[in-house]
Amino acid sequence: PTMRPLLLPIAAAGAVGMLVVFFSKNDSEGRRRLSFDPKTTVLKPPMEYLWNGENIYYQTAMASDRTTDKVTRYSYQTMYGRFLLPYYYKYPSMKMLEIGLGCPVSLDPGRSASLHKTLFPQAELWVADNVKRCMNKYRINEISKGVNLLLGDQGDYATIDRWLITSGGNFDVVIDDGGRQNCQSWNSFQKLWPAVKPGGLYFIEDMEAANKQRQPQGPCGSDLVVPEKLKEIFNVLIYEELGQLRRESDIKFIFCQADACVLGKKSGADPASVWWKNE
């Protein structure tokens, strides 16, 4: 198809380059595809990551032959474009953990990992999943290069402790795209949030399933619903009469969109001041 190039200037310390973005005609599914010319692409992320992140995330995902459902079934380009791409612009060597490889094998795992390798070429990427056969098949595939893998159930504290030891923790970003059980998501948050750097980000996807997953699991009762727990944190951020809890909290903000939320950690946060952890 005929390609129309769009040149985006990139300013880096001591160097200036050009990112060449090609917009093709609509493909058979009516989508606009985007591709990068590797001969002219430089590693410094373009300034457009700061203000045009939603479009860049969406177009890059749609340009892939292995498009992730983050931009088809869901519209997660909203939160990732507004928060994750600007974060990478500021910290291109960021360390990121995503829970959920997209197993089983029949689902063509690793789609979002491939997207993140494209968007964040200098980042240290970790991906966790609990389906061993699927992980092993992905591991021997060429597309797994540059992705560090962790195996185990995100709802198990001992497993997450092992992940933290293996990876070294200290993540800039955590993305929970794993199991949709409330206990899994909340246990992961309680264990991994303290391992997020001050100023870092924690994304939780697929929360539309929370009300359907109320059965007891592991140490959690059926009354645990993750969006309701996040509402408790939201109330602390909003209501002045809860100001003491707000000062003790290390959570700076919560941003929610359809099906998902992102939490930001305060800069200079004290990991010991987590008032909600044992509730």
C-alpha atoms as a PDB file:
ATOM      1  CA  PRO A   1       0.000   0.000   0.000  1.00  0.00           C
ATOM      2  CA  THR A   2       1.014   3.620  -0.493  1.00  0.00           C
ATOM      3  CA  MET A   3       2.807   4.957   2.561  1.00  0.00           C
ATOM      4  CA  ARG A   4       2.676   8.567   3.740  1.00  0.00           C
ATOM      5  CA  PRO A   5       5.672   9.461   5.920  1.00  0.00           C
ATOM      6  CA  LEU A   6       5.385  11.771   8.917  1.00  0.00           C
ATOM      7  CA  LEU A   7       8.657  13.090  10.356  1.00  0.00           C
ATOM      8  CA  LEU A   8       8.757  13.689  14.087  1.00  0.00           C
ATOM      9  CA  PRO A   9      11.811  15.496  15.485  1.00  0.00           C
ATOM     10  CA  ILE A  10      13.651  13.904  18.399  1.00  0.00           C
ATOM     11  CA  ALA A  11      15.872  15.995  20.639  1.00  0.00           C
ATOM     12  CA  ALA A  12      18.420  14.136  22.727  1.00  0.00           C
ATOM     13  CA  ALA A  13      21.351  15.250  24.810  1.00  0.00           C
ATOM     14  CA  GLY A  14      24.049  16.096  22.305  1.00  0.00           C
ATOM     15  CA  ALA A  15      22.162  14.678  19.327  1.00  0.00           C
ATOM     16  CA  VAL A  16      19.132  15.279  17.177  1.00  0.00           C
ATOM     17  CA  GLY A  17      17.408  12.584  15.152  1.00  0.00           C
ATOM     18  CA  MET A  18      14.223  11.933  13.270  1.00  0.00           C
ATOM     19  CA  LEU A  19      11.577   9.333  13.930  1.00  0.00           C
ATOM     20  CA  VAL A  20       9.931   8.349  10.671  1.00  0.00           C
ATOM     21  CA  VAL A  21       6.354   7.228  11.100  1.00  0.00           C
ATOM     22  CA  PHE A  22       4.555   5.734   8.107  1.00  0.00           C
ATOM     23  CA  PHE A  23       0.791   5.798   7.944  1.00  0.00           C
ATOM     24  CA  SER A  24      -0.592   3.340   5.427  1.00  0.00           C
ATOM     25  CA  LYS A  25      -4.004   3.152   3.892  1.00  0.00           C
ATOM     26  CA  ASN A  26      -6.611   1.257   5.877  1.00  0.00           C
ATOM     27  CA  ASP A  27      -6.018  -2.484   5.909  1.00  0.00           C
ATOM     28  CA  SER A  28      -8.691  -5.104   5.340  1.00  0.00           C
ATOM     29  CA  GLU A  29     -10.056  -4.577   8.831  1.00  0.00           C
ATOM     30  CA  GLY A  30     -10.369  -0.835   8.375  1.00  0.00           C
ATOM     31  CA  ARG A  31      -7.536   0.001  10.777  1.00  0.00           C
ATOM     32  CA  ARG A  32      -4.764   2.503  10.236  1.00  0.00           C
ATOM     33  CA  ARG A  33      -1.399   0.830  10.611  1.00  0.00           C
ATOM     34  CA  LEU A  34       1.801   2.414  11.788  1.00  0.00           C
ATOM     35  CA  SER A  35       5.374   1.205  11.383  1.00  0.00           C
ATOM     36  CA  PHE A  36       8.800   2.548  12.258  1.00  0.00           C
ATOM     37  CA  ASP A  37      11.760   2.707   9.892  1.00  0.00           C
ATOM     38  CA  PRO A  38      14.585   1.019  11.866  1.00  0.00           C
ATOM     39  CA  LYS A  39      17.234   2.799   9.784  1.00  0.00           C
ATOM     40  CA  THR A  40      16.168   6.231  11.013  1.00  0.00           C
ATOM     41  CA  THR A  41      14.724   5.451  14.437  1.00  0.00           C
ATOM     42  CA  VAL A  42      16.860   6.488  17.403  1.00  0.00           C
ATOM     43  CA  LEU A  43      16.511   5.124  20.921  1.00  0.00           C
ATOM     44  CA  LYS A  44      15.684   8.434  22.578  1.00  0.00           C
ATOM     45  CA  PRO A  45      11.877   8.487  22.862  1.00  0.00           C
ATOM     46  CA  PRO A  46      10.256  11.351  20.954  1.00  0.00           C
ATOM     47  CA  MET A  47       8.747  14.291  22.797  1.00  0.00           C
ATOM     48  CA  GLU A  48       5.402  13.158  21.382  1.00  0.00           C
ATOM     49  CA  TYR A  49       5.449  10.525  24.138  1.00  0.00           C
ATOM     50  CA  LEU A  50       4.605  13.404  26.474  1.00  0.00           C
ATOM     51  CA  TRP A  51       1.550  14.728  24.684  1.00  0.00           C
ATOM     52  CA  ASN A  52       0.479  12.201  22.057  1.00  0.00           C
ATOM     53  CA  GLY A  53       0.901   8.979  24.007  1.00  0.00           C
ATOM     54  CA  GLU A  54      -2.604   7.624  23.486  1.00  0.00           C
ATOM     55  CA  ASN A  55      -2.305   7.784  19.717  1.00  0.00           C
ATOM     56  CA  ILE A  56       1.256   6.414  19.674  1.00  0.00           C
ATOM     57  CA  TYR A  57       0.323   3.465  21.923  1.00  0.00           C
ATOM     58  CA  TYR A  58      -2.781   2.669  19.881  1.00  0.00           C
ATOM     59  CA  GLN A  59      -1.202   3.045  16.446  1.00  0.00           C
ATOM     60  CA  THR A  60       1.876   1.034  17.400  1.00  0.00           C
ATOM     61  CA  ALA A  61      -0.279  -1.781  18.771  1.00  0.00           C
ATOM     62  CA  MET A  62      -2.501  -1.822  15.698  1.00  0.00           C
ATOM     63  CA  ALA A  63       0.528  -1.905  13.394  1.00  0.00           C
ATOM     64  CA  SER A  64       1.610  -5.232  14.832  1.00  0.00           C
ATOM     65  CA  ASP A  65       0.631  -8.537  13.266  1.00  0.00           C
ATOM     66  CA  ARG A  66       0.127  -9.728  16.872  1.00  0.00           C
ATOM     67  CA  THR A  67      -2.149  -6.952  18.123  1.00  0.00           C
ATOM     68  CA  THR A  68      -2.837  -7.047  21.853  1.00  0.00           C
ATOM     69  CA  ASP A  69      -6.401  -6.874  23.144  1.00  0.00           C
ATOM     70  CA  LYS A  70      -5.345  -3.867  25.211  1.00  0.00           C
ATOM     71  CA  VAL A  71      -6.456  -1.734  22.251  1.00  0.00           C
ATOM     72  CA  THR A  72      -9.073  -3.963  20.602  1.00  0.00           C
ATOM     73  CA  ARG A  73     -11.297  -5.466  23.275  1.00  0.00           C
ATOM     74  CA  TYR A  74     -10.243  -2.725  25.707  1.00  0.00           C
ATOM     75  CA  SER A  75      -9.163   0.901  25.351  1.00  0.00           C
ATOM     76  CA  TYR A  76      -6.131   0.824  27.626  1.00  0.00           C
ATOM     77  CA  GLN A  77      -4.279   3.225  25.360  1.00  0.00           C
ATOM     78  CA  THR A  78      -6.047   5.859  27.471  1.00  0.00           C
ATOM     79  CA  MET A  79      -4.155   5.198  30.698  1.00  0.00           C
ATOM     80  CA  TYR A  80      -0.949   3.905  29.101  1.00  0.00           C
ATOM     81  CA  GLY A  81      -0.791   6.862  26.728  1.00  0.00           C
ATOM     82  CA  ARG A  82      -1.365   9.371  29.508  1.00  0.00           C
ATOM     83  CA  PHE A  83       0.926   7.850  32.116  1.00  0.00           C
ATOM     84  CA  LEU A  84       3.237   5.093  30.863  1.00  0.00           C
ATOM     85  CA  LEU A  85       4.636   6.736  27.727  1.00  0.00           C
ATOM     86  CA  PRO A  86       5.391  10.045  29.483  1.00  0.00           C
ATOM     87  CA  TYR A  87       7.036   8.058  32.296  1.00  0.00           C
ATOM     88  CA  TYR A  88       9.259   6.242  29.794  1.00  0.00           C
ATOM     89  CA  TYR A  89      10.189   9.554  28.190  1.00  0.00           C
ATOM     90  CA  LYS A  90      11.519  10.726  31.548  1.00  0.00           C
ATOM     91  CA  TYR A  91      13.024   7.377  32.582  1.00  0.00           C
ATOM     92  CA  PRO A  92      13.900   5.363  29.437  1.00  0.00           C
ATOM     93  CA  SER A  93      15.843   2.787  31.461  1.00  0.00           C
ATOM     94  CA  MET A  94      12.760   2.021  33.556  1.00  0.00           C
ATOM     95  CA  LYS A  95      12.205  -1.437  35.026  1.00  0.00           C
ATOM     96  CA  MET A  96       8.749  -2.862  34.363  1.00  0.00           C
ATOM     97  CA  LEU A  97       6.929  -6.011  35.477  1.00  0.00           C
ATOM     98  CA  GLU A  98       3.803  -7.234  33.708  1.00  0.00           C
ATOM     99  CA  ILE A  99       1.804 -10.046  35.286  1.00  0.00           C
ATOM    100  CA  GLY A 100       0.218 -12.078  32.519  1.00  0.00           C
ATOM    101  CA  LEU A 101       1.913 -13.346  29.373  1.00  0.00           C
ATOM    102  CA  GLY A 102      -1.376 -14.048  27.629  1.00  0.00           C
ATOM    103  CA  CYS A 103      -1.370 -17.809  28.111  1.00  0.00           C
ATOM    104  CA  PRO A 104      -2.436 -20.466  27.150  1.00  0.00           C
ATOM    105  CA  VAL A 105      -0.446 -21.145  24.006  1.00  0.00           C
ATOM    106  CA  SER A 106      -3.593 -21.067  21.854  1.00  0.00           C
ATOM    107  CA  LEU A 107      -3.937 -17.350  22.604  1.00  0.00           C
ATOM    108  CA  ASP A 108      -0.545 -16.516  21.046  1.00  0.00           C
ATOM    109  CA  PRO A 109       1.155 -15.329  24.258  1.00  0.00           C
ATOM    110  CA  GLY A 110       3.465 -12.359  24.534  1.00  0.00           C
ATOM    111  CA  ARG A 111       1.516  -9.855  22.445  1.00  0.00           C
ATOM    112  CA  SER A 112       1.728  -7.013  24.941  1.00  0.00           C
ATOM    113  CA  ALA A 113       5.354  -7.899  25.731  1.00  0.00           C
ATOM    114  CA  SER A 114       6.169  -7.475  22.037  1.00  0.00           C
ATOM    115  CA  LEU A 115       4.387  -4.130  22.001  1.00  0.00           C
ATOM    116  CA  HIS A 116       6.324  -2.945  25.037  1.00  0.00           C
ATOM    117  CA  LYS A 117       9.628  -4.032  23.488  1.00  0.00           C
ATOM    118  CA  THR A 118       8.796  -1.819  20.523  1.00  0.00           C
ATOM    119  CA  LEU A 119       7.649   1.182  22.521  1.00  0.00           C
ATOM    120  CA  PHE A 120      10.238   0.921  25.315  1.00  0.00           C
ATOM    121  CA  PRO A 121      13.438  -0.452  23.740  1.00  0.00           C
ATOM    122  CA  GLN A 122      15.686   0.630  26.607  1.00  0.00           C
ATOM    123  CA  ALA A 123      13.467  -0.617  29.427  1.00  0.00           C
ATOM    124  CA  GLU A 124      14.189  -3.689  31.556  1.00  0.00           C
ATOM    125  CA  LEU A 125      11.130  -5.870  30.965  1.00  0.00           C
ATOM    126  CA  TRP A 126       9.878  -8.677  33.232  1.00  0.00           C
ATOM    127  CA  VAL A 127       6.788 -10.804  32.569  1.00  0.00           C
ATOM    128  CA  ALA A 128       5.190 -13.315  34.968  1.00  0.00           C
ATOM    129  CA  ASP A 129       2.679 -16.094  34.344  1.00  0.00           C
ATOM    130  CA  ASN A 130       1.617 -19.348  36.006  1.00  0.00           C
ATOM    131  CA  VAL A 131       1.241 -21.617  32.934  1.00  0.00           C
ATOM    132  CA  LYS A 132       4.577 -23.439  32.684  1.00  0.00           C
ATOM    133  CA  ARG A 133       4.019 -25.101  29.298  1.00  0.00           C
ATOM    134  CA  CYS A 134       3.041 -21.796  27.755  1.00  0.00           C
ATOM    135  CA  MET A 135       6.007 -19.996  29.315  1.00  0.00           C
ATOM    136  CA  ASN A 136       8.434 -22.636  28.056  1.00  0.00           C
ATOM    137  CA  LYS A 137       7.099 -22.396  24.506  1.00  0.00           C
ATOM    138  CA  TYR A 138       7.377 -18.612  24.581  1.00  0.00           C
ATOM    139  CA  ARG A 139      10.884 -18.801  26.051  1.00  0.00           C
ATOM    140  CA  ILE A 140      12.311 -20.672  23.039  1.00  0.00           C
ATOM    141  CA  ASN A 141      10.676 -18.306  20.556  1.00  0.00           C
ATOM    142  CA  GLU A 142      12.667 -15.505  18.967  1.00  0.00           C
ATOM    143  CA  ILE A 143      10.075 -12.964  20.119  1.00  0.00           C
ATOM    144  CA  SER A 144      10.982 -13.616  23.777  1.00  0.00           C
ATOM    145  CA  LYS A 145      14.436 -12.035  23.426  1.00  0.00           C
ATOM    146  CA  GLY A 146      14.822  -9.088  25.752  1.00  0.00           C
ATOM    147  CA  VAL A 147      12.041 -10.260  28.086  1.00  0.00           C
ATOM    148  CA  ASN A 148      12.833 -11.745  31.508  1.00  0.00           C
ATOM    149  CA  LEU A 149      10.352 -14.421  32.620  1.00  0.00           C
ATOM    150  CA  LEU A 150       8.963 -15.346  36.043  1.00  0.00           C
ATOM    151  CA  LEU A 151       6.807 -18.410  36.750  1.00  0.00           C
ATOM    152  CA  GLY A 152       4.153 -18.834  39.430  1.00  0.00           C
ATOM    153  CA  ASP A 153       0.739 -17.875  40.846  1.00  0.00           C
ATOM    154  CA  GLN A 154       0.385 -14.170  41.560  1.00  0.00           C
ATOM    155  CA  GLY A 155      -2.044 -14.900  44.382  1.00  0.00           C
ATOM    156  CA  ASP A 156       0.616 -16.722  46.417  1.00  0.00           C
ATOM    157  CA  TYR A 157       2.766 -14.551  48.701  1.00  0.00           C
ATOM    158  CA  ALA A 158       5.703 -16.980  48.619  1.00  0.00           C
ATOM    159  CA  THR A 159       5.689 -16.917  44.820  1.00  0.00           C
ATOM    160  CA  ILE A 160       5.787 -13.139  44.717  1.00  0.00           C
ATOM    161  CA  ASP A 161       8.608 -13.128  47.265  1.00  0.00           C
ATOM    162  CA  ARG A 162      10.509 -15.407  44.895  1.00  0.00           C
ATOM    163  CA  TRP A 163       9.792 -13.074  41.991  1.00  0.00           C
ATOM    164  CA  LEU A 164      11.167 -10.153  43.973  1.00  0.00           C
ATOM    165  CA  ILE A 165      14.342 -12.047  44.836  1.00  0.00           C
ATOM    166  CA  THR A 166      14.878 -13.195  41.238  1.00  0.00           C
ATOM    167  CA  SER A 167      14.155  -9.816  39.653  1.00  0.00           C
ATOM    168  CA  GLY A 168      15.590  -7.630  42.399  1.00  0.00           C
ATOM    169  CA  GLY A 169      12.285  -5.776  42.748  1.00  0.00           C
ATOM    170  CA  ASN A 170      12.556  -1.976  42.736  1.00  0.00           C
ATOM    171  CA  PHE A 171      10.190  -1.604  39.781  1.00  0.00           C
ATOM    172  CA  ASP A 172       9.310   1.662  38.104  1.00  0.00           C
ATOM    173  CA  VAL A 173       6.102   0.157  36.746  1.00  0.00           C
ATOM    174  CA  VAL A 174       3.927  -2.869  37.527  1.00  0.00           C
ATOM    175  CA  ILE A 175       1.072  -3.967  35.238  1.00  0.00           C
ATOM    176  CA  ASP A 176      -1.406  -6.517  36.572  1.00  0.00           C
ATOM    177  CA  ASP A 177      -2.888  -8.217  33.518  1.00  0.00           C
ATOM    178  CA  GLY A 178      -2.961 -11.627  35.173  1.00  0.00           C
ATOM    179  CA  GLY A 179      -5.688 -13.684  36.807  1.00  0.00           C
ATOM    180  CA  ARG A 180      -8.951 -11.856  37.354  1.00  0.00           C
ATOM    181  CA  GLN A 181      -9.602 -13.265  40.815  1.00  0.00           C
ATOM    182  CA  ASN A 182      -9.936 -10.521  43.419  1.00  0.00           C
ATOM    183  CA  CYS A 183      -7.612 -12.354  45.791  1.00  0.00           C
ATOM    184  CA  GLN A 184      -4.920 -12.643  43.124  1.00  0.00           C
ATOM    185  CA  SER A 185      -5.069  -8.964  42.243  1.00  0.00           C
ATOM    186  CA  TRP A 186      -5.185  -7.700  45.816  1.00  0.00           C
ATOM    187  CA  ASN A 187      -2.463 -10.017  47.120  1.00  0.00           C
ATOM    188  CA  SER A 188      -0.250  -8.946  44.234  1.00  0.00           C
ATOM    189  CA  PHE A 189      -0.911  -5.292  44.955  1.00  0.00           C
ATOM    190  CA  GLN A 190      -0.123  -5.639  48.647  1.00  0.00           C
ATOM    191  CA  LYS A 191       3.170  -7.403  47.953  1.00  0.00           C
ATOM    192  CA  LEU A 192       4.310  -5.507  44.855  1.00  0.00           C
ATOM    193  CA  TRP A 193       3.238  -1.948  45.658  1.00  0.00           C
ATOM    194  CA  PRO A 194       6.019  -1.602  48.270  1.00  0.00           C
ATOM    195  CA  ALA A 195       8.453  -2.776  45.545  1.00  0.00           C
ATOM    196  CA  VAL A 196       7.440   0.130  43.271  1.00  0.00           C
ATOM    197  CA  LYS A 197       9.895   3.022  43.298  1.00  0.00           C
ATOM    198  CA  PRO A 198       8.806   6.414  44.644  1.00  0.00           C
ATOM    199  CA  GLY A 199       7.131   8.213  41.761  1.00  0.00           C
ATOM    200  CA  GLY A 200       6.346   4.891  40.053  1.00  0.00           C
ATOM    201  CA  LEU A 201       3.125   3.512  38.583  1.00  0.00           C
ATOM    202  CA  TYR A 202       0.918   0.466  39.244  1.00  0.00           C
ATOM    203  CA  PHE A 203      -1.708  -0.514  36.642  1.00  0.00           C
ATOM    204  CA  ILE A 204      -4.580  -2.948  37.309  1.00  0.00           C
ATOM    205  CA  GLU A 205      -6.476  -4.222  34.265  1.00  0.00           C
ATOM    206  CA  ASP A 206      -9.665  -6.231  33.738  1.00  0.00           C
ATOM    207  CA  MET A 207     -11.511  -5.062  36.840  1.00  0.00           C
ATOM    208  CA  GLU A 208     -14.848  -5.380  35.079  1.00  0.00           C
ATOM    209  CA  ALA A 209     -14.735  -9.028  36.193  1.00  0.00           C
ATOM    210  CA  ALA A 210     -14.426  -8.227  39.907  1.00  0.00           C
ATOM    211  CA  ASN A 211     -18.118  -8.540  40.779  1.00  0.00           C
ATOM    212  CA  LYS A 212     -18.302 -11.889  38.981  1.00  0.00           C
ATOM    213  CA  GLN A 213     -15.377 -13.302  40.964  1.00  0.00           C
ATOM    214  CA  ARG A 214     -16.691 -13.040  44.521  1.00  0.00           C
ATOM    215  CA  GLN A 215     -16.083 -16.654  45.548  1.00  0.00           C
ATOM    216  CA  PRO A 216     -13.568 -17.242  48.386  1.00  0.00           C
ATOM    217  CA  GLN A 217     -10.033 -17.930  47.184  1.00  0.00           C
ATOM    218  CA  GLY A 218      -6.931 -18.661  49.227  1.00  0.00           C
ATOM    219  CA  PRO A 219      -6.792 -16.374  52.264  1.00  0.00           C
ATOM    220  CA  CYS A 220      -9.467 -14.052  50.859  1.00  0.00           C
ATOM    221  CA  GLY A 221     -13.179 -14.142  51.549  1.00  0.00           C
ATOM    222  CA  SER A 222     -15.953 -13.597  49.046  1.00  0.00           C
ATOM    223  CA  ASP A 223     -16.431 -10.048  50.345  1.00  0.00           C
ATOM    224  CA  LEU A 224     -13.115  -8.904  48.863  1.00  0.00           C
ATOM    225  CA  VAL A 225     -13.693  -6.858  45.690  1.00  0.00           C
ATOM    226  CA  VAL A 226     -10.683  -4.948  44.382  1.00  0.00           C
ATOM    227  CA  PRO A 227     -12.576  -1.912  43.002  1.00  0.00           C
ATOM    228  CA  GLU A 228     -14.191  -1.508  46.430  1.00  0.00           C
ATOM    229  CA  LYS A 229     -10.739  -1.558  48.063  1.00  0.00           C
ATOM    230  CA  LEU A 230      -9.594   1.104  45.622  1.00  0.00           C
ATOM    231  CA  LYS A 231     -12.644   3.195  46.531  1.00  0.00           C
ATOM    232  CA  GLU A 232     -11.414   3.184  50.134  1.00  0.00           C
ATOM    233  CA  ILE A 233      -8.101   4.612  48.960  1.00  0.00           C
ATOM    234  CA  PHE A 234      -9.978   7.096  46.761  1.00  0.00           C
ATOM    235  CA  ASN A 235     -11.979   8.317  49.754  1.00  0.00           C
ATOM    236  CA  VAL A 236      -8.769   8.987  51.667  1.00  0.00           C
ATOM    237  CA  LEU A 237      -7.492  11.079  48.762  1.00  0.00           C
ATOM    238  CA  ILE A 238     -10.740  13.056  48.476  1.00  0.00           C
ATOM    239  CA  TYR A 239     -12.154  13.727  51.942  1.00  0.00           C
ATOM    240  CA  GLU A 240     -10.458  16.312  54.122  1.00  0.00           C
ATOM    241  CA  GLU A 241     -11.599  14.668  57.361  1.00  0.00           C
ATOM    242  CA  LEU A 242      -9.385  11.692  56.447  1.00  0.00           C
ATOM    243  CA  GLY A 243      -6.373  13.952  56.143  1.00  0.00           C
ATOM    244  CA  GLN A 244      -4.265  11.997  58.653  1.00  0.00           C
ATOM    245  CA  LEU A 245      -4.628   8.814  56.627  1.00  0.00           C
ATOM    246  CA  ARG A 246      -3.841  10.795  53.485  1.00  0.00           C
ATOM    247  CA  ARG A 247      -0.591  12.032  55.004  1.00  0.00           C
ATOM    248  CA  GLU A 248       0.323   8.502  56.058  1.00  0.00           C
ATOM    249  CA  SER A 249      -0.490   7.018  52.660  1.00  0.00           C
ATOM    250  CA  ASP A 250       2.183   6.659  49.981  1.00  0.00           C
ATOM    251  CA  ILE A 251      -0.411   6.853  47.184  1.00  0.00           C
ATOM    252  CA  LYS A 252      -0.360  10.123  45.248  1.00  0.00           C
ATOM    253  CA  PHE A 253      -3.253   9.545  42.854  1.00  0.00           C
ATOM    254  CA  ILE A 254      -5.671   7.065  41.315  1.00  0.00           C
ATOM    255  CA  PHE A 255      -6.811   7.396  37.716  1.00  0.00           C
ATOM    256  CA  CYS A 256      -9.572   5.082  36.521  1.00  0.00           C
ATOM    257  CA  GLN A 257     -11.007   4.471  33.085  1.00  0.00           C
ATOM    258  CA  ALA A 258     -13.274   1.761  31.709  1.00  0.00           C
ATOM    259  CA  ASP A 259     -12.213  -1.608  33.191  1.00  0.00           C
ATOM    260  CA  ALA A 260      -8.916  -0.448  34.728  1.00  0.00           C
ATOM    261  CA  CYS A 261      -7.068   1.930  37.053  1.00  0.00           C
ATOM    262  CA  VAL A 262      -3.541   3.226  37.575  1.00  0.00           C
ATOM    263  CA  LEU A 263      -2.085   4.302  40.926  1.00  0.00           C
ATOM    264  CA  GLY A 264       0.846   6.665  41.279  1.00  0.00           C
ATOM    265  CA  LYS A 265       3.253   6.547  44.206  1.00  0.00           C
ATOM    266  CA  LYS A 266       4.365   9.685  45.990  1.00  0.00           C
ATOM    267  CA  SER A 267       7.928  10.786  45.426  1.00  0.00           C
ATOM    268  CA  GLY A 268       9.957  10.159  48.579  1.00  0.00           C
ATOM    269  CA  ALA A 269       7.312   7.688  49.794  1.00  0.00           C
ATOM    270  CA  ASP A 270       8.039   5.644  52.915  1.00  0.00           C
ATOM    271  CA  PRO A 271       7.312   1.932  52.225  1.00  0.00           C
ATOM    272  CA  ALA A 272       6.470   1.445  55.923  1.00  0.00           C
ATOM    273  CA  SER A 273       3.542   3.885  55.794  1.00  0.00           C
ATOM    274  CA  VAL A 274       0.981   1.632  54.130  1.00  0.00           C
ATOM    275  CA  TRP A 275      -2.152   2.099  56.236  1.00  0.00           C
ATOM    276  CA  TRP A 276      -4.350  -0.192  54.101  1.00  0.00           C
ATOM    277  CA  LYS A 277      -2.050  -3.210  53.885  1.00  0.00           C
ATOM    278  CA  ASN A 278      -3.437  -5.386  56.660  1.00  0.00           C
ATOM    279  CA  GLU A 279      -7.065  -4.385  56.469  1.00  0.00           C
END
